[in-house]
Amino acid sequence: MFDSKRDGRTANKRSFRTDRRAIEGLPVRLVIALVVGVASLSVMMGMIGDIDGLAATEVDARPQPEVTTPGDQSIDVEVLDPDGASVADATVIVRSGSAQIDGVATAKTDSEGVATVDVDPELGANQPDGTLTIEVKPPAEGDYVDERENTEVLVVAE
């Protein structure tokens, strides 16, 4: 006998409502998949963390003197890693900031991590002070980078 008040949609809803077998194993399978996924992810992250090639070490430049006057000057720039160890064979680049130098001055660090750069900074008319910027090109061997800003050299009028 066909009931006109019941169509296919109503029959399907009633059959899902009364049938408990369809969702019986679903939560258990989801929990197992989640546990296996998390365990796999932790193993992969542990393997990635052990690879030394992915980590880069930031170098820092420490100029001496940090404050100088216009005219011919020699500035010793020490290049260090975060642990305070010197970095040999790095190239130190000194450029004009608000104080001017002719071109770019460069020098390479020695075995003690110190480079001596000769500069001739000039200040503009009525300019009481200015700065020279320092960049470091790390050596090819090693995992060094210079992404953060380094200490600037302050040039003060006499």
Protein backbone atom coordinates (compact mmCIF):
# COMPACT_ATOMS: atom_id res chain seq x y z
CA MET A 1 0.00 0.00 0.00
CA PHE A 2 1.34 3.42 -0.98
CA ASP A 3 1.00 6.33 1.45
CA SER A 4 0.76 9.65 -0.42
CA LYS A 5 2.00 11.59 2.60
CA ARG A 6 5.33 9.73 2.57
CA ASP A 7 7.67 10.49 -0.28
CA GLY A 8 11.23 9.25 -0.82
CA ARG A 9 12.81 11.93 1.35
CA THR A 10 10.74 11.08 4.40
CA ALA A 11 11.45 7.40 4.05
CA ASN A 12 15.20 8.08 3.86
CA LYS A 13 15.15 10.27 6.98
CA ARG A 14 13.32 7.63 8.96
CA SER A 15 15.65 4.89 7.82
CA PHE A 16 18.75 6.90 8.87
CA ARG A 17 17.14 7.80 12.16
CA THR A 18 16.48 4.22 13.07
CA ASP A 19 19.63 2.67 11.59
CA ARG A 20 22.51 2.91 14.09
CA ARG A 21 24.98 0.72 12.17
CA ALA A 22 26.09 3.49 9.76
CA ILE A 23 27.78 5.66 12.41
CA GLU A 24 28.83 2.94 14.84
CA GLY A 25 32.48 2.64 13.67
CA LEU A 26 32.97 6.21 12.43
CA PRO A 27 34.16 7.92 15.67
CA VAL A 28 36.67 5.13 16.38
CA ARG A 29 38.11 5.40 12.86
CA LEU A 30 38.43 9.18 13.16
CA VAL A 31 40.27 8.92 16.47
CA ILE A 32 42.67 6.31 15.05
CA ALA A 33 43.35 8.46 11.97
CA LEU A 34 43.97 11.52 14.17
CA VAL A 35 46.40 9.66 16.44
CA VAL A 36 48.33 8.20 13.50
CA GLY A 37 48.45 11.61 11.78
CA VAL A 38 49.76 13.42 14.86
CA ALA A 39 52.38 10.74 15.48
CA SER A 40 53.56 10.94 11.85
CA LEU A 41 53.73 14.73 12.00
CA SER A 42 55.81 14.69 15.19
CA VAL A 43 58.27 12.22 13.66
CA MET A 44 58.64 14.39 10.53
CA MET A 45 59.13 17.57 12.58
CA GLY A 46 61.79 15.82 14.64
CA MET A 47 63.62 14.82 11.48
CA ILE A 48 63.49 18.36 10.10
CA GLY A 49 64.75 19.82 13.38
CA ASP A 50 67.84 17.59 13.23
CA ILE A 51 68.91 18.95 9.84
CA ASP A 52 71.56 21.60 10.44
CA GLY A 53 71.40 22.97 6.90
CA LEU A 54 68.07 24.68 7.49
CA ALA A 55 69.26 26.90 10.32
CA ALA A 56 71.14 30.11 9.58
CA THR A 57 73.30 32.00 12.06
CA GLU A 58 72.99 35.79 12.18
CA VAL A 59 76.27 37.71 12.32
CA ASP A 60 76.76 41.06 14.00
CA ALA A 61 79.23 43.87 13.23
CA ARG A 62 80.83 45.84 16.06
CA PRO A 63 82.76 48.90 14.89
CA GLN A 64 85.56 50.51 16.91
CA PRO A 65 85.36 53.43 17.33
CA GLU A 66 81.58 53.81 17.18
CA VAL A 67 81.94 57.62 17.17
CA THR A 68 84.45 59.38 14.92
CA THR A 69 85.13 62.76 13.28
CA PRO A 70 85.24 63.83 9.62
CA GLY A 71 88.50 63.20 7.75
CA ASP A 72 90.69 60.17 7.14
CA GLN A 73 89.81 57.43 9.65
CA SER A 74 90.48 53.75 10.16
CA ILE A 75 87.60 51.81 11.63
CA ASP A 76 88.09 48.28 12.97
CA VAL A 77 84.92 46.22 12.50
CA GLU A 78 84.67 42.96 14.43
CA VAL A 79 82.26 40.36 13.00
CA LEU A 80 80.78 37.98 15.58
CA ASP A 81 78.24 35.18 15.66
CA PRO A 82 75.53 35.08 18.38
CA ASP A 83 77.82 33.10 20.71
CA GLY A 84 80.51 35.81 20.52
CA ALA A 85 82.87 33.78 18.33
CA SER A 86 84.73 35.68 15.62
CA VAL A 87 83.86 35.08 11.97
CA ALA A 88 86.84 34.97 9.60
CA ASP A 89 86.73 35.72 5.84
CA ALA A 90 83.61 37.89 6.01
CA THR A 91 83.50 41.02 3.86
CA VAL A 92 82.66 44.26 5.67
CA ILE A 93 81.03 46.99 3.58
CA VAL A 94 80.82 50.60 4.79
CA ARG A 95 78.45 52.92 2.91
CA SER A 96 77.30 56.50 3.20
CA GLY A 97 74.42 57.11 5.54
CA SER A 98 73.64 60.68 6.52
CA ALA A 99 77.43 61.26 6.45
CA GLN A 100 79.05 60.94 3.02
CA ILE A 101 82.05 58.92 1.83
CA ASP A 102 83.35 58.53 -1.73
CA GLY A 103 81.97 55.26 -3.02
CA VAL A 104 81.98 52.18 -0.84
CA ALA A 105 84.74 51.03 1.53
CA THR A 106 85.31 47.28 1.93
CA ALA A 107 87.67 45.01 3.86
CA LYS A 108 87.87 41.31 4.68
CA THR A 109 88.00 39.97 8.25
CA ASP A 110 91.17 38.23 9.37
CA SER A 111 91.40 35.03 11.44
CA GLU A 112 90.38 37.01 14.54
CA GLY A 113 87.22 38.32 12.81
CA VAL A 114 88.43 41.93 12.53
CA ALA A 115 88.45 44.03 9.34
CA THR A 116 90.10 47.45 9.11
CA VAL A 117 88.22 49.85 6.83
CA ASP A 118 89.75 53.17 5.77
CA VAL A 119 87.14 55.91 5.27
CA ASP A 120 87.10 59.66 4.77
CA PRO A 121 83.64 60.75 6.02
CA GLU A 122 82.32 64.23 5.28
CA LEU A 123 79.41 66.14 6.76
CA GLY A 124 77.29 68.61 4.86
CA ALA A 125 77.21 72.33 5.58
CA ASN A 126 75.53 73.03 8.93
CA GLN A 127 75.31 69.29 9.62
CA PRO A 128 76.47 68.56 13.19
CA ASP A 129 76.55 64.78 12.82
CA GLY A 130 75.82 61.89 10.48
CA THR A 131 76.14 58.13 10.21
CA LEU A 132 77.91 55.50 8.13
CA THR A 133 76.14 52.17 7.62
CA ILE A 134 77.84 48.81 7.92
CA GLU A 135 76.88 45.63 6.11
CA VAL A 136 78.48 42.21 6.34
CA LYS A 137 78.73 39.70 3.51
CA PRO A 138 79.25 36.42 5.40
CA PRO A 139 81.83 33.88 4.21
CA ALA A 140 80.70 31.28 1.69
CA GLU A 141 81.49 28.40 4.02
CA GLY A 142 79.20 28.22 7.03
CA ASP A 143 75.56 29.01 7.59
CA TYR A 144 75.89 32.73 8.25
CA VAL A 145 73.49 35.51 7.24
CA ASP A 146 73.37 39.25 7.89
CA GLU A 147 69.69 40.17 7.79
CA ARG A 148 69.38 42.49 10.78
CA GLU A 149 70.63 46.05 10.86
CA ASN A 150 74.14 46.51 12.22
CA THR A 151 75.56 49.22 14.48
CA GLU A 152 76.17 52.46 12.57
CA VAL A 153 79.26 54.61 12.97
CA LEU A 154 78.40 58.09 14.22
CA VAL A 155 80.38 60.93 12.61
CA VAL A 156 80.41 64.08 14.75
CA ALA A 157 81.74 67.49 13.67
CA GLU A 158 84.72 68.69 15.68
